[in-house]
Structure formats: structure tokens, C-alpha cells
Amino acid sequence: RGDGLDAEGAPLQPPMGEQRIRHRS
């Protein structure tokens, strides 16, 4: 939405979770 807020009007928080990284191999 470009306003820094989530659907409930609260400030966006960093997403949490595992990050998968594809290596060159």
C-alpha cells in the first residue's frame, strides 16, 4: 500500500521465517 502499515493499520514488522539460499552448485 506504500504507507508502511499492515492491513490492520499497525506498522509493518520484518517477516520472520527460514530463508532458503540456492548455492552455485
PDBML (XML) file of the C-alpha atoms, coordinates in Angstrom:
<?xml version="1.0" encoding="UTF-8" ?>
<PDBx:datablock datablockName="MODEL"
   xmlns:PDBx="http://pdbml.pdb.org/schema/pdbx-v50.xsd"
   xmlns:xsi="http://www.w3.org/2001/XMLSchema-instance"
   xsi:schemaLocation="http://pdbml.pdb.org/schema/pdbx-v50.xsd pdbx-v50.xsd">
   <PDBx:atom_siteCategory>
      <PDBx:atom_site id="1">
         <PDBx:B_iso_or_equiv>0.00</PDBx:B_iso_or_equiv>
         <PDBx:Cartn_x>0.000</PDBx:Cartn_x>
         <PDBx:Cartn_y>0.000</PDBx:Cartn_y>
         <PDBx:Cartn_z>0.000</PDBx:Cartn_z>
         <PDBx:auth_asym_id>A</PDBx:auth_asym_id>
         <PDBx:auth_atom_id>CA</PDBx:auth_atom_id>
         <PDBx:auth_comp_id>ARG</PDBx:auth_comp_id>
         <PDBx:auth_seq_id>1</PDBx:auth_seq_id>
         <PDBx:group_PDB>ATOM</PDBx:group_PDB>
         <PDBx:label_alt_id xsi:nil="true" />
         <PDBx:label_asym_id>A</PDBx:label_asym_id>
         <PDBx:label_atom_id>CA</PDBx:label_atom_id>
         <PDBx:label_comp_id>ARG</PDBx:label_comp_id>
         <PDBx:label_entity_id>1</PDBx:label_entity_id>
         <PDBx:label_seq_id>1</PDBx:label_seq_id>
         <PDBx:occupancy>1.00</PDBx:occupancy>
         <PDBx:pdbx_PDB_model_num>1</PDBx:pdbx_PDB_model_num>
         <PDBx:type_symbol>C</PDBx:type_symbol>
      </PDBx:atom_site>
      <PDBx:atom_site id="2">
         <PDBx:B_iso_or_equiv>0.00</PDBx:B_iso_or_equiv>
         <PDBx:Cartn_x>3.037</PDBx:Cartn_x>
         <PDBx:Cartn_y>2.270</PDBx:Cartn_y>
         <PDBx:Cartn_z>0.285</PDBx:Cartn_z>
         <PDBx:auth_asym_id>A</PDBx:auth_asym_id>
         <PDBx:auth_atom_id>CA</PDBx:auth_atom_id>
         <PDBx:auth_comp_id>GLY</PDBx:auth_comp_id>
         <PDBx:auth_seq_id>2</PDBx:auth_seq_id>
         <PDBx:group_PDB>ATOM</PDBx:group_PDB>
         <PDBx:label_alt_id xsi:nil="true" />
         <PDBx:label_asym_id>A</PDBx:label_asym_id>
         <PDBx:label_atom_id>CA</PDBx:label_atom_id>
         <PDBx:label_comp_id>GLY</PDBx:label_comp_id>
         <PDBx:label_entity_id>1</PDBx:label_entity_id>
         <PDBx:label_seq_id>2</PDBx:label_seq_id>
         <PDBx:occupancy>1.00</PDBx:occupancy>
         <PDBx:pdbx_PDB_model_num>1</PDBx:pdbx_PDB_model_num>
         <PDBx:type_symbol>C</PDBx:type_symbol>
      </PDBx:atom_site>
      <PDBx:atom_site id="3">
         <PDBx:B_iso_or_equiv>0.00</PDBx:B_iso_or_equiv>
         <PDBx:Cartn_x>2.148</PDBx:Cartn_x>
         <PDBx:Cartn_y>3.606</PDBx:Cartn_y>
         <PDBx:Cartn_z>3.739</PDBx:Cartn_z>
         <PDBx:auth_asym_id>A</PDBx:auth_asym_id>
         <PDBx:auth_atom_id>CA</PDBx:auth_atom_id>
         <PDBx:auth_comp_id>ASP</PDBx:auth_comp_id>
         <PDBx:auth_seq_id>3</PDBx:auth_seq_id>
         <PDBx:group_PDB>ATOM</PDBx:group_PDB>
         <PDBx:label_alt_id xsi:nil="true" />
         <PDBx:label_asym_id>A</PDBx:label_asym_id>
         <PDBx:label_atom_id>CA</PDBx:label_atom_id>
         <PDBx:label_comp_id>ASP</PDBx:label_comp_id>
         <PDBx:label_entity_id>1</PDBx:label_entity_id>
         <PDBx:label_seq_id>3</PDBx:label_seq_id>
         <PDBx:occupancy>1.00</PDBx:occupancy>
         <PDBx:pdbx_PDB_model_num>1</PDBx:pdbx_PDB_model_num>
         <PDBx:type_symbol>C</PDBx:type_symbol>
      </PDBx:atom_site>
      <PDBx:atom_site id="4">
         <PDBx:B_iso_or_equiv>0.00</PDBx:B_iso_or_equiv>
         <PDBx:Cartn_x>4.307</PDBx:Cartn_x>
         <PDBx:Cartn_y>1.394</PDBx:Cartn_y>
         <PDBx:Cartn_z>5.974</PDBx:Cartn_z>
         <PDBx:auth_asym_id>A</PDBx:auth_asym_id>
         <PDBx:auth_atom_id>CA</PDBx:auth_atom_id>
         <PDBx:auth_comp_id>GLY</PDBx:auth_comp_id>
         <PDBx:auth_seq_id>4</PDBx:auth_seq_id>
         <PDBx:group_PDB>ATOM</PDBx:group_PDB>
         <PDBx:label_alt_id xsi:nil="true" />
         <PDBx:label_asym_id>A</PDBx:label_asym_id>
         <PDBx:label_atom_id>CA</PDBx:label_atom_id>
         <PDBx:label_comp_id>GLY</PDBx:label_comp_id>
         <PDBx:label_entity_id>1</PDBx:label_entity_id>
         <PDBx:label_seq_id>4</PDBx:label_seq_id>
         <PDBx:occupancy>1.00</PDBx:occupancy>
         <PDBx:pdbx_PDB_model_num>1</PDBx:pdbx_PDB_model_num>
         <PDBx:type_symbol>C</PDBx:type_symbol>
      </PDBx:atom_site>
      <PDBx:atom_site id="5">
         <PDBx:B_iso_or_equiv>0.00</PDBx:B_iso_or_equiv>
         <PDBx:Cartn_x>1.251</PDBx:Cartn_x>
         <PDBx:Cartn_y>-0.165</PDBx:Cartn_y>
         <PDBx:Cartn_z>7.634</PDBx:Cartn_z>
         <PDBx:auth_asym_id>A</PDBx:auth_asym_id>
         <PDBx:auth_atom_id>CA</PDBx:auth_atom_id>
         <PDBx:auth_comp_id>LEU</PDBx:auth_comp_id>
         <PDBx:auth_seq_id>5</PDBx:auth_seq_id>
         <PDBx:group_PDB>ATOM</PDBx:group_PDB>
         <PDBx:label_alt_id xsi:nil="true" />
         <PDBx:label_asym_id>A</PDBx:label_asym_id>
         <PDBx:label_atom_id>CA</PDBx:label_atom_id>
         <PDBx:label_comp_id>LEU</PDBx:label_comp_id>
         <PDBx:label_entity_id>1</PDBx:label_entity_id>
         <PDBx:label_seq_id>5</PDBx:label_seq_id>
         <PDBx:occupancy>1.00</PDBx:occupancy>
         <PDBx:pdbx_PDB_model_num>1</PDBx:pdbx_PDB_model_num>
         <PDBx:type_symbol>C</PDBx:type_symbol>
      </PDBx:atom_site>
      <PDBx:atom_site id="6">
         <PDBx:B_iso_or_equiv>0.00</PDBx:B_iso_or_equiv>
         <PDBx:Cartn_x>-0.232</PDBx:Cartn_x>
         <PDBx:Cartn_y>-3.649</PDBx:Cartn_y>
         <PDBx:Cartn_z>7.562</PDBx:Cartn_z>
         <PDBx:auth_asym_id>A</PDBx:auth_asym_id>
         <PDBx:auth_atom_id>CA</PDBx:auth_atom_id>
         <PDBx:auth_comp_id>ASP</PDBx:auth_comp_id>
         <PDBx:auth_seq_id>6</PDBx:auth_seq_id>
         <PDBx:group_PDB>ATOM</PDBx:group_PDB>
         <PDBx:label_alt_id xsi:nil="true" />
         <PDBx:label_asym_id>A</PDBx:label_asym_id>
         <PDBx:label_atom_id>CA</PDBx:label_atom_id>
         <PDBx:label_comp_id>ASP</PDBx:label_comp_id>
         <PDBx:label_entity_id>1</PDBx:label_entity_id>
         <PDBx:label_seq_id>6</PDBx:label_seq_id>
         <PDBx:occupancy>1.00</PDBx:occupancy>
         <PDBx:pdbx_PDB_model_num>1</PDBx:pdbx_PDB_model_num>
         <PDBx:type_symbol>C</PDBx:type_symbol>
      </PDBx:atom_site>
      <PDBx:atom_site id="7">
         <PDBx:B_iso_or_equiv>0.00</PDBx:B_iso_or_equiv>
         <PDBx:Cartn_x>-3.897</PDBx:Cartn_x>
         <PDBx:Cartn_y>-4.469</PDBx:Cartn_y>
         <PDBx:Cartn_z>6.841</PDBx:Cartn_z>
         <PDBx:auth_asym_id>A</PDBx:auth_asym_id>
         <PDBx:auth_atom_id>CA</PDBx:auth_atom_id>
         <PDBx:auth_comp_id>ALA</PDBx:auth_comp_id>
         <PDBx:auth_seq_id>7</PDBx:auth_seq_id>
         <PDBx:group_PDB>ATOM</PDBx:group_PDB>
         <PDBx:label_alt_id xsi:nil="true" />
         <PDBx:label_asym_id>A</PDBx:label_asym_id>
         <PDBx:label_atom_id>CA</PDBx:label_atom_id>
         <PDBx:label_comp_id>ALA</PDBx:label_comp_id>
         <PDBx:label_entity_id>1</PDBx:label_entity_id>
         <PDBx:label_seq_id>7</PDBx:label_seq_id>
         <PDBx:occupancy>1.00</PDBx:occupancy>
         <PDBx:pdbx_PDB_model_num>1</PDBx:pdbx_PDB_model_num>
         <PDBx:type_symbol>C</PDBx:type_symbol>
      </PDBx:atom_site>
      <PDBx:atom_site id="8">
         <PDBx:B_iso_or_equiv>0.00</PDBx:B_iso_or_equiv>
         <PDBx:Cartn_x>-4.865</PDBx:Cartn_x>
         <PDBx:Cartn_y>-3.648</PDBx:Cartn_y>
         <PDBx:Cartn_z>10.460</PDBx:Cartn_z>
         <PDBx:auth_asym_id>A</PDBx:auth_asym_id>
         <PDBx:auth_atom_id>CA</PDBx:auth_atom_id>
         <PDBx:auth_comp_id>GLU</PDBx:auth_comp_id>
         <PDBx:auth_seq_id>8</PDBx:auth_seq_id>
         <PDBx:group_PDB>ATOM</PDBx:group_PDB>
         <PDBx:label_alt_id xsi:nil="true" />
         <PDBx:label_asym_id>A</PDBx:label_asym_id>
         <PDBx:label_atom_id>CA</PDBx:label_atom_id>
         <PDBx:label_comp_id>GLU</PDBx:label_comp_id>
         <PDBx:label_entity_id>1</PDBx:label_entity_id>
         <PDBx:label_seq_id>8</PDBx:label_seq_id>
         <PDBx:occupancy>1.00</PDBx:occupancy>
         <PDBx:pdbx_PDB_model_num>1</PDBx:pdbx_PDB_model_num>
         <PDBx:type_symbol>C</PDBx:type_symbol>
      </PDBx:atom_site>
      <PDBx:atom_site id="9">
         <PDBx:B_iso_or_equiv>0.00</PDBx:B_iso_or_equiv>
         <PDBx:Cartn_x>-3.078</PDBx:Cartn_x>
         <PDBx:Cartn_y>-0.264</PDBx:Cartn_y>
         <PDBx:Cartn_z>10.389</PDBx:Cartn_z>
         <PDBx:auth_asym_id>A</PDBx:auth_asym_id>
         <PDBx:auth_atom_id>CA</PDBx:auth_atom_id>
         <PDBx:auth_comp_id>GLY</PDBx:auth_comp_id>
         <PDBx:auth_seq_id>9</PDBx:auth_seq_id>
         <PDBx:group_PDB>ATOM</PDBx:group_PDB>
         <PDBx:label_alt_id xsi:nil="true" />
         <PDBx:label_asym_id>A</PDBx:label_asym_id>
         <PDBx:label_atom_id>CA</PDBx:label_atom_id>
         <PDBx:label_comp_id>GLY</PDBx:label_comp_id>
         <PDBx:label_entity_id>1</PDBx:label_entity_id>
         <PDBx:label_seq_id>9</PDBx:label_seq_id>
         <PDBx:occupancy>1.00</PDBx:occupancy>
         <PDBx:pdbx_PDB_model_num>1</PDBx:pdbx_PDB_model_num>
         <PDBx:type_symbol>C</PDBx:type_symbol>
      </PDBx:atom_site>
      <PDBx:atom_site id="10">
         <PDBx:B_iso_or_equiv>0.00</PDBx:B_iso_or_equiv>
         <PDBx:Cartn_x>-0.119</PDBx:Cartn_x>
         <PDBx:Cartn_y>-1.356</PDBx:Cartn_y>
         <PDBx:Cartn_z>12.554</PDBx:Cartn_z>
         <PDBx:auth_asym_id>A</PDBx:auth_asym_id>
         <PDBx:auth_atom_id>CA</PDBx:auth_atom_id>
         <PDBx:auth_comp_id>ALA</PDBx:auth_comp_id>
         <PDBx:auth_seq_id>10</PDBx:auth_seq_id>
         <PDBx:group_PDB>ATOM</PDBx:group_PDB>
         <PDBx:label_alt_id xsi:nil="true" />
         <PDBx:label_asym_id>A</PDBx:label_asym_id>
         <PDBx:label_atom_id>CA</PDBx:label_atom_id>
         <PDBx:label_comp_id>ALA</PDBx:label_comp_id>
         <PDBx:label_entity_id>1</PDBx:label_entity_id>
         <PDBx:label_seq_id>10</PDBx:label_seq_id>
         <PDBx:occupancy>1.00</PDBx:occupancy>
         <PDBx:pdbx_PDB_model_num>1</PDBx:pdbx_PDB_model_num>
         <PDBx:type_symbol>C</PDBx:type_symbol>
      </PDBx:atom_site>
      <PDBx:atom_site id="11">
         <PDBx:B_iso_or_equiv>0.00</PDBx:B_iso_or_equiv>
         <PDBx:Cartn_x>3.487</PDBx:Cartn_x>
         <PDBx:Cartn_y>-0.641</PDBx:Cartn_y>
         <PDBx:Cartn_z>11.468</PDBx:Cartn_z>
         <PDBx:auth_asym_id>A</PDBx:auth_asym_id>
         <PDBx:auth_atom_id>CA</PDBx:auth_atom_id>
         <PDBx:auth_comp_id>PRO</PDBx:auth_comp_id>
         <PDBx:auth_seq_id>11</PDBx:auth_seq_id>
         <PDBx:group_PDB>ATOM</PDBx:group_PDB>
         <PDBx:label_alt_id xsi:nil="true" />
         <PDBx:label_asym_id>A</PDBx:label_asym_id>
         <PDBx:label_atom_id>CA</PDBx:label_atom_id>
         <PDBx:label_comp_id>PRO</PDBx:label_comp_id>
         <PDBx:label_entity_id>1</PDBx:label_entity_id>
         <PDBx:label_seq_id>11</PDBx:label_seq_id>
         <PDBx:occupancy>1.00</PDBx:occupancy>
         <PDBx:pdbx_PDB_model_num>1</PDBx:pdbx_PDB_model_num>
         <PDBx:type_symbol>C</PDBx:type_symbol>
      </PDBx:atom_site>
      <PDBx:atom_site id="12">
         <PDBx:B_iso_or_equiv>0.00</PDBx:B_iso_or_equiv>
         <PDBx:Cartn_x>4.937</PDBx:Cartn_x>
         <PDBx:Cartn_y>-3.340</PDBx:Cartn_y>
         <PDBx:Cartn_z>9.220</PDBx:Cartn_z>
         <PDBx:auth_asym_id>A</PDBx:auth_asym_id>
         <PDBx:auth_atom_id>CA</PDBx:auth_atom_id>
         <PDBx:auth_comp_id>LEU</PDBx:auth_comp_id>
         <PDBx:auth_seq_id>12</PDBx:auth_seq_id>
         <PDBx:group_PDB>ATOM</PDBx:group_PDB>
         <PDBx:label_alt_id xsi:nil="true" />
         <PDBx:label_asym_id>A</PDBx:label_asym_id>
         <PDBx:label_atom_id>CA</PDBx:label_atom_id>
         <PDBx:label_comp_id>LEU</PDBx:label_comp_id>
         <PDBx:label_entity_id>1</PDBx:label_entity_id>
         <PDBx:label_seq_id>12</PDBx:label_seq_id>
         <PDBx:occupancy>1.00</PDBx:occupancy>
         <PDBx:pdbx_PDB_model_num>1</PDBx:pdbx_PDB_model_num>
         <PDBx:type_symbol>C</PDBx:type_symbol>
      </PDBx:atom_site>
      <PDBx:atom_site id="13">
         <PDBx:B_iso_or_equiv>0.00</PDBx:B_iso_or_equiv>
         <PDBx:Cartn_x>7.211</PDBx:Cartn_x>
         <PDBx:Cartn_y>-5.788</PDBx:Cartn_y>
         <PDBx:Cartn_z>11.017</PDBx:Cartn_z>
         <PDBx:auth_asym_id>A</PDBx:auth_asym_id>
         <PDBx:auth_atom_id>CA</PDBx:auth_atom_id>
         <PDBx:auth_comp_id>GLN</PDBx:auth_comp_id>
         <PDBx:auth_seq_id>13</PDBx:auth_seq_id>
         <PDBx:group_PDB>ATOM</PDBx:group_PDB>
         <PDBx:label_alt_id xsi:nil="true" />
         <PDBx:label_asym_id>A</PDBx:label_asym_id>
         <PDBx:label_atom_id>CA</PDBx:label_atom_id>
         <PDBx:label_comp_id>GLN</PDBx:label_comp_id>
         <PDBx:label_entity_id>1</PDBx:label_entity_id>
         <PDBx:label_seq_id>13</PDBx:label_seq_id>
         <PDBx:occupancy>1.00</PDBx:occupancy>
         <PDBx:pdbx_PDB_model_num>1</PDBx:pdbx_PDB_model_num>
         <PDBx:type_symbol>C</PDBx:type_symbol>
      </PDBx:atom_site>
      <PDBx:atom_site id="14">
         <PDBx:B_iso_or_equiv>0.00</PDBx:B_iso_or_equiv>
         <PDBx:Cartn_x>10.109</PDBx:Cartn_x>
         <PDBx:Cartn_y>-7.681</PDBx:Cartn_y>
         <PDBx:Cartn_z>9.445</PDBx:Cartn_z>
         <PDBx:auth_asym_id>A</PDBx:auth_asym_id>
         <PDBx:auth_atom_id>CA</PDBx:auth_atom_id>
         <PDBx:auth_comp_id>PRO</PDBx:auth_comp_id>
         <PDBx:auth_seq_id>14</PDBx:auth_seq_id>
         <PDBx:group_PDB>ATOM</PDBx:group_PDB>
         <PDBx:label_alt_id xsi:nil="true" />
         <PDBx:label_asym_id>A</PDBx:label_asym_id>
         <PDBx:label_atom_id>CA</PDBx:label_atom_id>
         <PDBx:label_comp_id>PRO</PDBx:label_comp_id>
         <PDBx:label_entity_id>1</PDBx:label_entity_id>
         <PDBx:label_seq_id>14</PDBx:label_seq_id>
         <PDBx:occupancy>1.00</PDBx:occupancy>
         <PDBx:pdbx_PDB_model_num>1</PDBx:pdbx_PDB_model_num>
         <PDBx:type_symbol>C</PDBx:type_symbol>
      </PDBx:atom_site>
      <PDBx:atom_site id="15">
         <PDBx:B_iso_or_equiv>0.00</PDBx:B_iso_or_equiv>
         <PDBx:Cartn_x>8.991</PDBx:Cartn_x>
         <PDBx:Cartn_y>-11.012</PDBx:Cartn_y>
         <PDBx:Cartn_z>8.020</PDBx:Cartn_z>
         <PDBx:auth_asym_id>A</PDBx:auth_asym_id>
         <PDBx:auth_atom_id>CA</PDBx:auth_atom_id>
         <PDBx:auth_comp_id>PRO</PDBx:auth_comp_id>
         <PDBx:auth_seq_id>15</PDBx:auth_seq_id>
         <PDBx:group_PDB>ATOM</PDBx:group_PDB>
         <PDBx:label_alt_id xsi:nil="true" />
         <PDBx:label_asym_id>A</PDBx:label_asym_id>
         <PDBx:label_atom_id>CA</PDBx:label_atom_id>
         <PDBx:label_comp_id>PRO</PDBx:label_comp_id>
         <PDBx:label_entity_id>1</PDBx:label_entity_id>
         <PDBx:label_seq_id>15</PDBx:label_seq_id>
         <PDBx:occupancy>1.00</PDBx:occupancy>
         <PDBx:pdbx_PDB_model_num>1</PDBx:pdbx_PDB_model_num>
         <PDBx:type_symbol>C</PDBx:type_symbol>
      </PDBx:atom_site>
      <PDBx:atom_site id="16">
         <PDBx:B_iso_or_equiv>0.00</PDBx:B_iso_or_equiv>
         <PDBx:Cartn_x>10.090</PDBx:Cartn_x>
         <PDBx:Cartn_y>-13.986</PDBx:Cartn_y>
         <PDBx:Cartn_z>10.087</PDBx:Cartn_z>
         <PDBx:auth_asym_id>A</PDBx:auth_asym_id>
         <PDBx:auth_atom_id>CA</PDBx:auth_atom_id>
         <PDBx:auth_comp_id>MET</PDBx:auth_comp_id>
         <PDBx:auth_seq_id>16</PDBx:auth_seq_id>
         <PDBx:group_PDB>ATOM</PDBx:group_PDB>
         <PDBx:label_alt_id xsi:nil="true" />
         <PDBx:label_asym_id>A</PDBx:label_asym_id>
         <PDBx:label_atom_id>CA</PDBx:label_atom_id>
         <PDBx:label_comp_id>MET</PDBx:label_comp_id>
         <PDBx:label_entity_id>1</PDBx:label_entity_id>
         <PDBx:label_seq_id>16</PDBx:label_seq_id>
         <PDBx:occupancy>1.00</PDBx:occupancy>
         <PDBx:pdbx_PDB_model_num>1</PDBx:pdbx_PDB_model_num>
         <PDBx:type_symbol>C</PDBx:type_symbol>
      </PDBx:atom_site>
      <PDBx:atom_site id="17">
         <PDBx:B_iso_or_equiv>0.00</PDBx:B_iso_or_equiv>
         <PDBx:Cartn_x>10.918</PDBx:Cartn_x>
         <PDBx:Cartn_y>-17.471</PDBx:Cartn_y>
         <PDBx:Cartn_z>8.908</PDBx:Cartn_z>
         <PDBx:auth_asym_id>A</PDBx:auth_asym_id>
         <PDBx:auth_atom_id>CA</PDBx:auth_atom_id>
         <PDBx:auth_comp_id>GLY</PDBx:auth_comp_id>
         <PDBx:auth_seq_id>17</PDBx:auth_seq_id>
         <PDBx:group_PDB>ATOM</PDBx:group_PDB>
         <PDBx:label_alt_id xsi:nil="true" />
         <PDBx:label_asym_id>A</PDBx:label_asym_id>
         <PDBx:label_atom_id>CA</PDBx:label_atom_id>
         <PDBx:label_comp_id>GLY</PDBx:label_comp_id>
         <PDBx:label_entity_id>1</PDBx:label_entity_id>
         <PDBx:label_seq_id>17</PDBx:label_seq_id>
         <PDBx:occupancy>1.00</PDBx:occupancy>
         <PDBx:pdbx_PDB_model_num>1</PDBx:pdbx_PDB_model_num>
         <PDBx:type_symbol>C</PDBx:type_symbol>
      </PDBx:atom_site>
      <PDBx:atom_site id="18">
         <PDBx:B_iso_or_equiv>0.00</PDBx:B_iso_or_equiv>
         <PDBx:Cartn_x>13.568</PDBx:Cartn_x>
         <PDBx:Cartn_y>-19.582</PDBx:Cartn_y>
         <PDBx:Cartn_z>7.305</PDBx:Cartn_z>
         <PDBx:auth_asym_id>A</PDBx:auth_asym_id>
         <PDBx:auth_atom_id>CA</PDBx:auth_atom_id>
         <PDBx:auth_comp_id>GLU</PDBx:auth_comp_id>
         <PDBx:auth_seq_id>18</PDBx:auth_seq_id>
         <PDBx:group_PDB>ATOM</PDBx:group_PDB>
         <PDBx:label_alt_id xsi:nil="true" />
         <PDBx:label_asym_id>A</PDBx:label_asym_id>
         <PDBx:label_atom_id>CA</PDBx:label_atom_id>
         <PDBx:label_comp_id>GLU</PDBx:label_comp_id>
         <PDBx:label_entity_id>1</PDBx:label_entity_id>
         <PDBx:label_seq_id>18</PDBx:label_seq_id>
         <PDBx:occupancy>1.00</PDBx:occupancy>
         <PDBx:pdbx_PDB_model_num>1</PDBx:pdbx_PDB_model_num>
         <PDBx:type_symbol>C</PDBx:type_symbol>
      </PDBx:atom_site>
      <PDBx:atom_site id="19">
         <PDBx:B_iso_or_equiv>0.00</PDBx:B_iso_or_equiv>
         <PDBx:Cartn_x>15.387</PDBx:Cartn_x>
         <PDBx:Cartn_y>-18.274</PDBx:Cartn_y>
         <PDBx:Cartn_z>4.295</PDBx:Cartn_z>
         <PDBx:auth_asym_id>A</PDBx:auth_asym_id>
         <PDBx:auth_atom_id>CA</PDBx:auth_atom_id>
         <PDBx:auth_comp_id>GLN</PDBx:auth_comp_id>
         <PDBx:auth_seq_id>19</PDBx:auth_seq_id>
         <PDBx:group_PDB>ATOM</PDBx:group_PDB>
         <PDBx:label_alt_id xsi:nil="true" />
         <PDBx:label_asym_id>A</PDBx:label_asym_id>
         <PDBx:label_atom_id>CA</PDBx:label_atom_id>
         <PDBx:label_comp_id>GLN</PDBx:label_comp_id>
         <PDBx:label_entity_id>1</PDBx:label_entity_id>
         <PDBx:label_seq_id>19</PDBx:label_seq_id>
         <PDBx:occupancy>1.00</PDBx:occupancy>
         <PDBx:pdbx_PDB_model_num>1</PDBx:pdbx_PDB_model_num>
         <PDBx:type_symbol>C</PDBx:type_symbol>
      </PDBx:atom_site>
      <PDBx:atom_site id="20">
         <PDBx:B_iso_or_equiv>0.00</PDBx:B_iso_or_equiv>
         <PDBx:Cartn_x>16.443</PDBx:Cartn_x>
         <PDBx:Cartn_y>-20.743</PDBx:Cartn_y>
         <PDBx:Cartn_z>1.631</PDBx:Cartn_z>
         <PDBx:auth_asym_id>A</PDBx:auth_asym_id>
         <PDBx:auth_atom_id>CA</PDBx:auth_atom_id>
         <PDBx:auth_comp_id>ARG</PDBx:auth_comp_id>
         <PDBx:auth_seq_id>20</PDBx:auth_seq_id>
         <PDBx:group_PDB>ATOM</PDBx:group_PDB>
         <PDBx:label_alt_id xsi:nil="true" />
         <PDBx:label_asym_id>A</PDBx:label_asym_id>
         <PDBx:label_atom_id>CA</PDBx:label_atom_id>
         <PDBx:label_comp_id>ARG</PDBx:label_comp_id>
         <PDBx:label_entity_id>1</PDBx:label_entity_id>
         <PDBx:label_seq_id>20</PDBx:label_seq_id>
         <PDBx:occupancy>1.00</PDBx:occupancy>
         <PDBx:pdbx_PDB_model_num>1</PDBx:pdbx_PDB_model_num>
         <PDBx:type_symbol>C</PDBx:type_symbol>
      </PDBx:atom_site>
      <PDBx:atom_site id="21">
         <PDBx:B_iso_or_equiv>0.00</PDBx:B_iso_or_equiv>
         <PDBx:Cartn_x>19.551</PDBx:Cartn_x>
         <PDBx:Cartn_y>-19.865</PDBx:Cartn_y>
         <PDBx:Cartn_z>-0.305</PDBx:Cartn_z>
         <PDBx:auth_asym_id>A</PDBx:auth_asym_id>
         <PDBx:auth_atom_id>CA</PDBx:auth_atom_id>
         <PDBx:auth_comp_id>ILE</PDBx:auth_comp_id>
         <PDBx:auth_seq_id>21</PDBx:auth_seq_id>
         <PDBx:group_PDB>ATOM</PDBx:group_PDB>
         <PDBx:label_alt_id xsi:nil="true" />
         <PDBx:label_asym_id>A</PDBx:label_asym_id>
         <PDBx:label_atom_id>CA</PDBx:label_atom_id>
         <PDBx:label_comp_id>ILE</PDBx:label_comp_id>
         <PDBx:label_entity_id>1</PDBx:label_entity_id>
         <PDBx:label_seq_id>21</PDBx:label_seq_id>
         <PDBx:occupancy>1.00</PDBx:occupancy>
         <PDBx:pdbx_PDB_model_num>1</PDBx:pdbx_PDB_model_num>
         <PDBx:type_symbol>C</PDBx:type_symbol>
      </PDBx:atom_site>
      <PDBx:atom_site id="22">
         <PDBx:B_iso_or_equiv>0.00</PDBx:B_iso_or_equiv>
         <PDBx:Cartn_x>20.409</PDBx:Cartn_x>
         <PDBx:Cartn_y>-21.554</PDBx:Cartn_y>
         <PDBx:Cartn_z>-3.594</PDBx:Cartn_z>
         <PDBx:auth_asym_id>A</PDBx:auth_asym_id>
         <PDBx:auth_atom_id>CA</PDBx:auth_atom_id>
         <PDBx:auth_comp_id>ARG</PDBx:auth_comp_id>
         <PDBx:auth_seq_id>22</PDBx:auth_seq_id>
         <PDBx:group_PDB>ATOM</PDBx:group_PDB>
         <PDBx:label_alt_id xsi:nil="true" />
         <PDBx:label_asym_id>A</PDBx:label_asym_id>
         <PDBx:label_atom_id>CA</PDBx:label_atom_id>
         <PDBx:label_comp_id>ARG</PDBx:label_comp_id>
         <PDBx:label_entity_id>1</PDBx:label_entity_id>
         <PDBx:label_seq_id>22</PDBx:label_seq_id>
         <PDBx:occupancy>1.00</PDBx:occupancy>
         <PDBx:pdbx_PDB_model_num>1</PDBx:pdbx_PDB_model_num>
         <PDBx:type_symbol>C</PDBx:type_symbol>
      </PDBx:atom_site>
      <PDBx:atom_site id="23">
         <PDBx:B_iso_or_equiv>0.00</PDBx:B_iso_or_equiv>
         <PDBx:Cartn_x>24.151</PDBx:Cartn_x>
         <PDBx:Cartn_y>-22.006</PDBx:Cartn_y>
         <PDBx:Cartn_z>-3.979</PDBx:Cartn_z>
         <PDBx:auth_asym_id>A</PDBx:auth_asym_id>
         <PDBx:auth_atom_id>CA</PDBx:auth_atom_id>
         <PDBx:auth_comp_id>HIS</PDBx:auth_comp_id>
         <PDBx:auth_seq_id>23</PDBx:auth_seq_id>
         <PDBx:group_PDB>ATOM</PDBx:group_PDB>
         <PDBx:label_alt_id xsi:nil="true" />
         <PDBx:label_asym_id>A</PDBx:label_asym_id>
         <PDBx:label_atom_id>CA</PDBx:label_atom_id>
         <PDBx:label_comp_id>HIS</PDBx:label_comp_id>
         <PDBx:label_entity_id>1</PDBx:label_entity_id>
         <PDBx:label_seq_id>23</PDBx:label_seq_id>
         <PDBx:occupancy>1.00</PDBx:occupancy>
         <PDBx:pdbx_PDB_model_num>1</PDBx:pdbx_PDB_model_num>
         <PDBx:type_symbol>C</PDBx:type_symbol>
      </PDBx:atom_site>
      <PDBx:atom_site id="24">
         <PDBx:B_iso_or_equiv>0.00</PDBx:B_iso_or_equiv>
         <PDBx:Cartn_x>26.042</PDBx:Cartn_x>
         <PDBx:Cartn_y>-22.055</PDBx:Cartn_y>
         <PDBx:Cartn_z>-7.263</PDBx:Cartn_z>
         <PDBx:auth_asym_id>A</PDBx:auth_asym_id>
         <PDBx:auth_atom_id>CA</PDBx:auth_atom_id>
         <PDBx:auth_comp_id>ARG</PDBx:auth_comp_id>
         <PDBx:auth_seq_id>24</PDBx:auth_seq_id>
         <PDBx:group_PDB>ATOM</PDBx:group_PDB>
         <PDBx:label_alt_id xsi:nil="true" />
         <PDBx:label_asym_id>A</PDBx:label_asym_id>
         <PDBx:label_atom_id>CA</PDBx:label_atom_id>
         <PDBx:label_comp_id>ARG</PDBx:label_comp_id>
         <PDBx:label_entity_id>1</PDBx:label_entity_id>
         <PDBx:label_seq_id>24</PDBx:label_seq_id>
         <PDBx:occupancy>1.00</PDBx:occupancy>
         <PDBx:pdbx_PDB_model_num>1</PDBx:pdbx_PDB_model_num>
         <PDBx:type_symbol>C</PDBx:type_symbol>
      </PDBx:atom_site>
      <PDBx:atom_site id="25">
         <PDBx:B_iso_or_equiv>0.00</PDBx:B_iso_or_equiv>
         <PDBx:Cartn_x>26.127</PDBx:Cartn_x>
         <PDBx:Cartn_y>-25.832</PDBx:Cartn_y>
         <PDBx:Cartn_z>-7.096</PDBx:Cartn_z>
         <PDBx:auth_asym_id>A</PDBx:auth_asym_id>
         <PDBx:auth_atom_id>CA</PDBx:auth_atom_id>
         <PDBx:auth_comp_id>SER</PDBx:auth_comp_id>
         <PDBx:auth_seq_id>25</PDBx:auth_seq_id>
         <PDBx:group_PDB>ATOM</PDBx:group_PDB>
         <PDBx:label_alt_id xsi:nil="true" />
         <PDBx:label_asym_id>A</PDBx:label_asym_id>
         <PDBx:label_atom_id>CA</PDBx:label_atom_id>
         <PDBx:label_comp_id>SER</PDBx:label_comp_id>
         <PDBx:label_entity_id>1</PDBx:label_entity_id>
         <PDBx:label_seq_id>25</PDBx:label_seq_id>
         <PDBx:occupancy>1.00</PDBx:occupancy>
         <PDBx:pdbx_PDB_model_num>1</PDBx:pdbx_PDB_model_num>
         <PDBx:type_symbol>C</PDBx:type_symbol>
      </PDBx:atom_site>
   </PDBx:atom_siteCategory>
</PDBx:datablock>
